[in-house]
């Protein structure tokens, strides 16, 4: 059975989301009116798909989480070494998350940090599995159990996003820096972490 072409409503919804992301990354305070004008539709059309600005932001966050989960899975796929899996997964996630880092800060106003963390539960669980393997193999060293360690890693990534947003860390350096930082947090020697990440990003 073949599916037909997207309906006009679906096309409009997709365009509104794409334009909204661009506008909000440019201006976190962009109004629904601004988004409607940029999308080339009337305000009523935007509200027909998203009853509030909060609903629009929430939908964008859902899309961001899906992209992050897919990138994390692809980055670690087929990698047996836990350290390399953490590094590859982090670099892959950052390449996607960098586009959404302003959105994460914006979403905290409406979606709440707890809401974002709940959406990231599957990604956090996958991270915990890798960390558990590394701890069992002696590749990683930490007094924390894997689940708590995965939560720490997640918060470190959010903190690095904020550091980039605040101009404390150049965006171009953030992905590799994040990977080295997360490896160091699980006891991988700095020289080994730096060498591994440099090899993966060469």
C-alpha atoms as a PDB file:
ATOM      1  CA  UNK A   1       0.000   0.000   0.000  1.00  0.00           C
ATOM      2  CA  UNK A   2       1.444   3.353  -0.973  1.00  0.00           C
ATOM      3  CA  UNK A   3       0.910   6.558   0.888  1.00  0.00           C
ATOM      4  CA  UNK A   4      -0.237   9.662  -0.916  1.00  0.00           C
ATOM      5  CA  UNK A   5       1.414  13.039  -0.983  1.00  0.00           C
ATOM      6  CA  UNK A   6       1.296  15.070   2.249  1.00  0.00           C
ATOM      7  CA  UNK A   7      -1.863  17.104   2.659  1.00  0.00           C
ATOM      8  CA  UNK A   8      -1.733  20.873   2.586  1.00  0.00           C
ATOM      9  CA  UNK A   9      -2.313  20.901   6.339  1.00  0.00           C
ATOM     10  CA  UNK A  10       0.652  18.560   6.906  1.00  0.00           C
ATOM     11  CA  UNK A  11       2.835  20.662   4.634  1.00  0.00           C
ATOM     12  CA  UNK A  12       1.823  23.837   6.466  1.00  0.00           C
ATOM     13  CA  UNK A  13       2.500  22.219   9.849  1.00  0.00           C
ATOM     14  CA  UNK A  14       5.961  21.078   8.775  1.00  0.00           C
ATOM     15  CA  UNK A  15       6.760  24.508   7.356  1.00  0.00           C
ATOM     16  CA  UNK A  16       5.570  26.248  10.520  1.00  0.00           C
ATOM     17  CA  UNK A  17       7.791  23.986  12.650  1.00  0.00           C
ATOM     18  CA  UNK A  18      10.838  24.528  10.420  1.00  0.00           C
ATOM     19  CA  UNK A  19      10.351  28.284  10.338  1.00  0.00           C
ATOM     20  CA  UNK A  20       9.555  28.442  14.068  1.00  0.00           C
ATOM     21  CA  UNK A  21      12.824  26.695  14.921  1.00  0.00           C
ATOM     22  CA  UNK A  22      14.787  29.119  12.745  1.00  0.00           C
ATOM     23  CA  UNK A  23      13.002  32.167  14.157  1.00  0.00           C
ATOM     24  CA  UNK A  24      13.298  31.059  17.792  1.00  0.00           C
ATOM     25  CA  UNK A  25      16.990  30.283  17.406  1.00  0.00           C
ATOM     26  CA  UNK A  26      17.423  33.769  15.954  1.00  0.00           C
ATOM     27  CA  UNK A  27      15.127  35.456  18.480  1.00  0.00           C
ATOM     28  CA  UNK A  28      14.055  33.376  21.518  1.00  0.00           C
ATOM     29  CA  UNK A  29      11.283  35.898  22.163  1.00  0.00           C
ATOM     30  CA  UNK A  30       9.785  35.618  18.668  1.00  0.00           C
ATOM     31  CA  UNK A  31       5.994  35.822  18.838  1.00  0.00           C
ATOM     32  CA  UNK A  32       3.442  33.634  17.107  1.00  0.00           C
ATOM     33  CA  UNK A  33       2.728  36.609  14.823  1.00  0.00           C
ATOM     34  CA  UNK A  34       6.404  36.801  13.798  1.00  0.00           C
ATOM     35  CA  UNK A  35       6.489  33.058  13.151  1.00  0.00           C
ATOM     36  CA  UNK A  36       3.308  33.240  11.068  1.00  0.00           C
ATOM     37  CA  UNK A  37       4.706  36.072   8.928  1.00  0.00           C
ATOM     38  CA  UNK A  38       8.014  34.259   8.435  1.00  0.00           C
ATOM     39  CA  UNK A  39       6.147  31.084   7.432  1.00  0.00           C
ATOM     40  CA  UNK A  40       3.976  32.983   4.991  1.00  0.00           C
ATOM     41  CA  UNK A  41       0.711  32.032   6.685  1.00  0.00           C
ATOM     42  CA  UNK A  42      -1.869  33.902   8.710  1.00  0.00           C
ATOM     43  CA  UNK A  43      -1.779  33.816  12.503  1.00  0.00           C
ATOM     44  CA  UNK A  44      -4.950  31.715  12.593  1.00  0.00           C
ATOM     45  CA  UNK A  45      -3.214  28.953  10.631  1.00  0.00           C
ATOM     46  CA  UNK A  46      -0.428  28.736  13.202  1.00  0.00           C
ATOM     47  CA  UNK A  47      -2.931  28.571  16.058  1.00  0.00           C
ATOM     48  CA  UNK A  48      -4.899  25.959  14.134  1.00  0.00           C
ATOM     49  CA  UNK A  49      -1.917  23.614  14.471  1.00  0.00           C
ATOM     50  CA  UNK A  50      -0.555  24.822  17.804  1.00  0.00           C
ATOM     51  CA  UNK A  51      -3.022  26.291  20.324  1.00  0.00           C
ATOM     52  CA  UNK A  52      -0.285  28.192  22.171  1.00  0.00           C
ATOM     53  CA  UNK A  53       3.341  29.204  21.905  1.00  0.00           C
ATOM     54  CA  UNK A  54       4.096  26.670  24.643  1.00  0.00           C
ATOM     55  CA  UNK A  55       2.536  23.893  22.555  1.00  0.00           C
ATOM     56  CA  UNK A  56       4.669  24.920  19.579  1.00  0.00           C
ATOM     57  CA  UNK A  57       7.862  24.920  21.658  1.00  0.00           C
ATOM     58  CA  UNK A  58       6.921  21.569  23.188  1.00  0.00           C
ATOM     59  CA  UNK A  59       6.515  20.041  19.712  1.00  0.00           C
ATOM     60  CA  UNK A  60       9.887  21.425  18.665  1.00  0.00           C
ATOM     61  CA  UNK A  61      11.470  19.893  21.778  1.00  0.00           C
ATOM     62  CA  UNK A  62       9.910  16.523  20.904  1.00  0.00           C
ATOM     63  CA  UNK A  63      11.543  16.743  17.474  1.00  0.00           C
ATOM     64  CA  UNK A  64      14.873  17.703  19.025  1.00  0.00           C
ATOM     65  CA  UNK A  65      14.764  14.718  21.391  1.00  0.00           C
ATOM     66  CA  UNK A  66      13.988  12.354  18.500  1.00  0.00           C
ATOM     67  CA  UNK A  67      16.971  13.730  16.580  1.00  0.00           C
ATOM     68  CA  UNK A  68      19.246  13.389  19.615  1.00  0.00           C
ATOM     69  CA  UNK A  69      18.131   9.793  20.249  1.00  0.00           C
ATOM     70  CA  UNK A  70      18.719   8.848  16.612  1.00  0.00           C
ATOM     71  CA  UNK A  71      22.160  10.483  16.578  1.00  0.00           C
ATOM     72  CA  UNK A  72      23.175   8.760  19.813  1.00  0.00           C
ATOM     73  CA  UNK A  73      22.101   5.352  18.514  1.00  0.00           C
ATOM     74  CA  UNK A  74      23.883   5.865  15.203  1.00  0.00           C
ATOM     75  CA  UNK A  75      27.047   7.148  16.875  1.00  0.00           C
ATOM     76  CA  UNK A  76      27.510   4.132  19.128  1.00  0.00           C
ATOM     77  CA  UNK A  77      26.235   1.476  16.692  1.00  0.00           C
ATOM     78  CA  UNK A  78      28.638  -1.430  16.237  1.00  0.00           C
ATOM     79  CA  UNK A  79      31.207  -0.011  18.689  1.00  0.00           C
ATOM     80  CA  UNK A  80      32.448  -2.580  21.212  1.00  0.00           C
ATOM     81  CA  UNK A  81      34.810  -0.397  23.243  1.00  0.00           C
ATOM     82  CA  UNK A  82      32.769   1.487  25.904  1.00  0.00           C
ATOM     83  CA  UNK A  83      35.135   4.479  25.872  1.00  0.00           C
ATOM     84  CA  UNK A  84      34.853   4.821  22.114  1.00  0.00           C
ATOM     85  CA  UNK A  85      31.083   4.338  22.327  1.00  0.00           C
ATOM     86  CA  UNK A  86      30.803   7.193  24.839  1.00  0.00           C
ATOM     87  CA  UNK A  87      33.023   9.420  22.698  1.00  0.00           C
ATOM     88  CA  UNK A  88      31.254   8.629  19.423  1.00  0.00           C
ATOM     89  CA  UNK A  89      27.807   8.944  20.987  1.00  0.00           C
ATOM     90  CA  UNK A  90      28.665  12.285  22.595  1.00  0.00           C
ATOM     91  CA  UNK A  91      30.143  13.748  19.411  1.00  0.00           C
ATOM     92  CA  UNK A  92      27.148  12.568  17.360  1.00  0.00           C
ATOM     93  CA  UNK A  93      24.678  13.970  19.891  1.00  0.00           C
ATOM     94  CA  UNK A  94      26.466  17.306  20.058  1.00  0.00           C
ATOM     95  CA  UNK A  95      26.369  17.748  16.296  1.00  0.00           C
ATOM     96  CA  UNK A  96      22.583  17.568  16.545  1.00  0.00           C
ATOM     97  CA  UNK A  97      22.156  19.220  19.940  1.00  0.00           C
ATOM     98  CA  UNK A  98      24.225  22.246  18.944  1.00  0.00           C
ATOM     99  CA  UNK A  99      21.403  23.258  16.604  1.00  0.00           C
ATOM    100  CA  UNK A 100      18.931  23.038  19.468  1.00  0.00           C
ATOM    101  CA  UNK A 101      20.912  24.464  22.374  1.00  0.00           C
ATOM    102  CA  UNK A 102      19.085  27.816  22.288  1.00  0.00           C
ATOM    103  CA  UNK A 103      15.822  25.883  22.083  1.00  0.00           C
ATOM    104  CA  UNK A 104      16.689  23.941  25.256  1.00  0.00           C
ATOM    105  CA  UNK A 105      17.212  27.197  27.136  1.00  0.00           C
ATOM    106  CA  UNK A 106      13.948  28.534  25.712  1.00  0.00           C
ATOM    107  CA  UNK A 107      12.040  25.348  26.494  1.00  0.00           C
ATOM    108  CA  UNK A 108      12.962  25.551  30.158  1.00  0.00           C
ATOM    109  CA  UNK A 109      10.554  28.487  30.399  1.00  0.00           C
ATOM    110  CA  UNK A 110       7.563  26.457  29.206  1.00  0.00           C
ATOM    111  CA  UNK A 111       8.336  22.741  28.951  1.00  0.00           C
ATOM    112  CA  UNK A 112      10.396  22.740  32.180  1.00  0.00           C
ATOM    113  CA  UNK A 113      13.681  20.950  32.707  1.00  0.00           C
ATOM    114  CA  UNK A 114      11.855  17.988  34.210  1.00  0.00           C
ATOM    115  CA  UNK A 115       9.780  17.661  31.064  1.00  0.00           C
ATOM    116  CA  UNK A 116      12.927  17.670  28.921  1.00  0.00           C
ATOM    117  CA  UNK A 117      14.555  15.041  31.159  1.00  0.00           C
ATOM    118  CA  UNK A 118      11.477  12.808  30.916  1.00  0.00           C
ATOM    119  CA  UNK A 119      11.659  12.956  27.122  1.00  0.00           C
ATOM    120  CA  UNK A 120      15.330  11.951  27.275  1.00  0.00           C
ATOM    121  CA  UNK A 121      14.706   8.846  29.409  1.00  0.00           C
ATOM    122  CA  UNK A 122      15.432   6.339  26.558  1.00  0.00           C
ATOM    123  CA  UNK A 123      18.703   8.099  25.696  1.00  0.00           C
ATOM    124  CA  UNK A 124      19.729   8.153  29.366  1.00  0.00           C
ATOM    125  CA  UNK A 125      18.960   4.417  29.650  1.00  0.00           C
ATOM    126  CA  UNK A 126      21.127   3.667  26.604  1.00  0.00           C
ATOM    127  CA  UNK A 127      23.958   5.702  28.141  1.00  0.00           C
ATOM    128  CA  UNK A 128      23.605   3.786  31.394  1.00  0.00           C
ATOM    129  CA  UNK A 129      24.022   0.482  29.508  1.00  0.00           C
ATOM    130  CA  UNK A 130      27.301   1.644  27.957  1.00  0.00           C
ATOM    131  CA  UNK A 131      28.527   2.965  31.289  1.00  0.00           C
ATOM    132  CA  UNK A 132      27.622  -0.318  33.006  1.00  0.00           C
ATOM    133  CA  UNK A 133      29.663  -2.238  30.436  1.00  0.00           C
ATOM    134  CA  UNK A 134      32.630   0.060  30.942  1.00  0.00           C
ATOM    135  CA  UNK A 135      32.445  -0.229  34.724  1.00  0.00           C
ATOM    136  CA  UNK A 136      32.209  -4.031  34.555  1.00  0.00           C
ATOM    137  CA  UNK A 137      35.192  -4.212  32.189  1.00  0.00           C
ATOM    138  CA  UNK A 138      37.281  -1.840  34.291  1.00  0.00           C
ATOM    139  CA  UNK A 139      37.478   0.666  31.415  1.00  0.00           C
ATOM    140  CA  UNK A 140      35.603   3.196  33.572  1.00  0.00           C
ATOM    141  CA  UNK A 141      36.006   3.951  37.270  1.00  0.00           C
ATOM    142  CA  UNK A 142      33.353   5.714  39.332  1.00  0.00           C
ATOM    143  CA  UNK A 143      31.775   5.427  42.779  1.00  0.00           C
ATOM    144  CA  UNK A 144      28.408   6.089  41.134  1.00  0.00           C
ATOM    145  CA  UNK A 145      26.108   3.386  39.743  1.00  0.00           C
ATOM    146  CA  UNK A 146      25.542   3.516  35.954  1.00  0.00           C
ATOM    147  CA  UNK A 147      22.100   5.142  36.163  1.00  0.00           C
ATOM    148  CA  UNK A 148      23.352   7.972  38.380  1.00  0.00           C
ATOM    149  CA  UNK A 149      26.440   8.374  36.227  1.00  0.00           C
ATOM    150  CA  UNK A 150      24.265   8.673  33.102  1.00  0.00           C
ATOM    151  CA  UNK A 151      22.257  11.413  34.826  1.00  0.00           C
ATOM    152  CA  UNK A 152      25.493  13.246  35.672  1.00  0.00           C
ATOM    153  CA  UNK A 153      26.627  13.004  32.050  1.00  0.00           C
ATOM    154  CA  UNK A 154      23.308  14.406  30.889  1.00  0.00           C
ATOM    155  CA  UNK A 155      23.561  17.389  33.236  1.00  0.00           C
ATOM    156  CA  UNK A 156      27.149  18.023  32.141  1.00  0.00           C
ATOM    157  CA  UNK A 157      25.981  18.228  28.518  1.00  0.00           C
ATOM    158  CA  UNK A 158      23.264  20.709  29.481  1.00  0.00           C
ATOM    159  CA  UNK A 159      25.858  22.750  31.384  1.00  0.00           C
ATOM    160  CA  UNK A 160      28.148  22.794  28.336  1.00  0.00           C
ATOM    161  CA  UNK A 161      25.232  23.967  26.173  1.00  0.00           C
ATOM    162  CA  UNK A 162      24.710  26.848  28.579  1.00  0.00           C
ATOM    163  CA  UNK A 163      28.449  27.619  28.508  1.00  0.00           C
ATOM    164  CA  UNK A 164      28.273  27.929  24.704  1.00  0.00           C
ATOM    165  CA  UNK A 165      25.117  30.048  24.930  1.00  0.00           C
ATOM    166  CA  UNK A 166      26.868  32.324  27.444  1.00  0.00           C
ATOM    167  CA  UNK A 167      29.933  32.690  25.222  1.00  0.00           C
ATOM    168  CA  UNK A 168      32.224  30.792  27.605  1.00  0.00           C
ATOM    169  CA  UNK A 169      33.045  28.023  25.111  1.00  0.00           C
ATOM    170  CA  UNK A 170      33.329  28.302  21.306  1.00  0.00           C
ATOM    171  CA  UNK A 171      30.634  26.211  19.614  1.00  0.00           C
ATOM    172  CA  UNK A 172      33.182  24.642  17.252  1.00  0.00           C
ATOM    173  CA  UNK A 173      35.132  23.208  20.216  1.00  0.00           C
ATOM    174  CA  UNK A 174      32.148  22.073  22.252  1.00  0.00           C
ATOM    175  CA  UNK A 175      31.576  18.609  20.785  1.00  0.00           C
ATOM    176  CA  UNK A 176      35.127  17.280  21.218  1.00  0.00           C
ATOM    177  CA  UNK A 177      35.426  19.077  24.569  1.00  0.00           C
ATOM    178  CA  UNK A 178      32.212  17.441  25.756  1.00  0.00           C
ATOM    179  CA  UNK A 179      33.452  13.982  24.749  1.00  0.00           C
ATOM    180  CA  UNK A 180      36.781  14.433  26.574  1.00  0.00           C
ATOM    181  CA  UNK A 181      34.973  15.827  29.628  1.00  0.00           C
ATOM    182  CA  UNK A 182      32.541  12.893  29.845  1.00  0.00           C
ATOM    183  CA  UNK A 183      35.349  10.365  29.443  1.00  0.00           C
ATOM    184  CA  UNK A 184      37.368  12.099  32.158  1.00  0.00           C
ATOM    185  CA  UNK A 185      34.305  11.946  34.436  1.00  0.00           C
ATOM    186  CA  UNK A 186      34.374   8.136  34.256  1.00  0.00           C
ATOM    187  CA  UNK A 187      38.073   7.869  35.016  1.00  0.00           C
ATOM    188  CA  UNK A 188      39.555   7.624  31.529  1.00  0.00           C
ATOM    189  CA  UNK A 189      43.033   9.220  31.690  1.00  0.00           C
ATOM    190  CA  UNK A 190      43.137  12.654  30.100  1.00  0.00           C
ATOM    191  CA  UNK A 191      45.781  11.718  27.555  1.00  0.00           C
ATOM    192  CA  UNK A 192      43.801   8.643  26.452  1.00  0.00           C
ATOM    193  CA  UNK A 193      40.531  10.619  26.251  1.00  0.00           C
ATOM    194  CA  UNK A 194      42.138  13.454  24.269  1.00  0.00           C
ATOM    195  CA  UNK A 195      43.871  11.044  21.893  1.00  0.00           C
ATOM    196  CA  UNK A 196      40.701   9.035  21.277  1.00  0.00           C
ATOM    197  CA  UNK A 197      38.543  12.087  20.594  1.00  0.00           C
ATOM    198  CA  UNK A 198      41.189  13.637  18.344  1.00  0.00           C
ATOM    199  CA  UNK A 199      41.291  10.418  16.320  1.00  0.00           C
ATOM    200  CA  UNK A 200      37.492  10.358  15.971  1.00  0.00           C
ATOM    201  CA  UNK A 201      37.233  13.998  14.936  1.00  0.00           C
ATOM    202  CA  UNK A 202      40.251  14.079  12.608  1.00  0.00           C
END
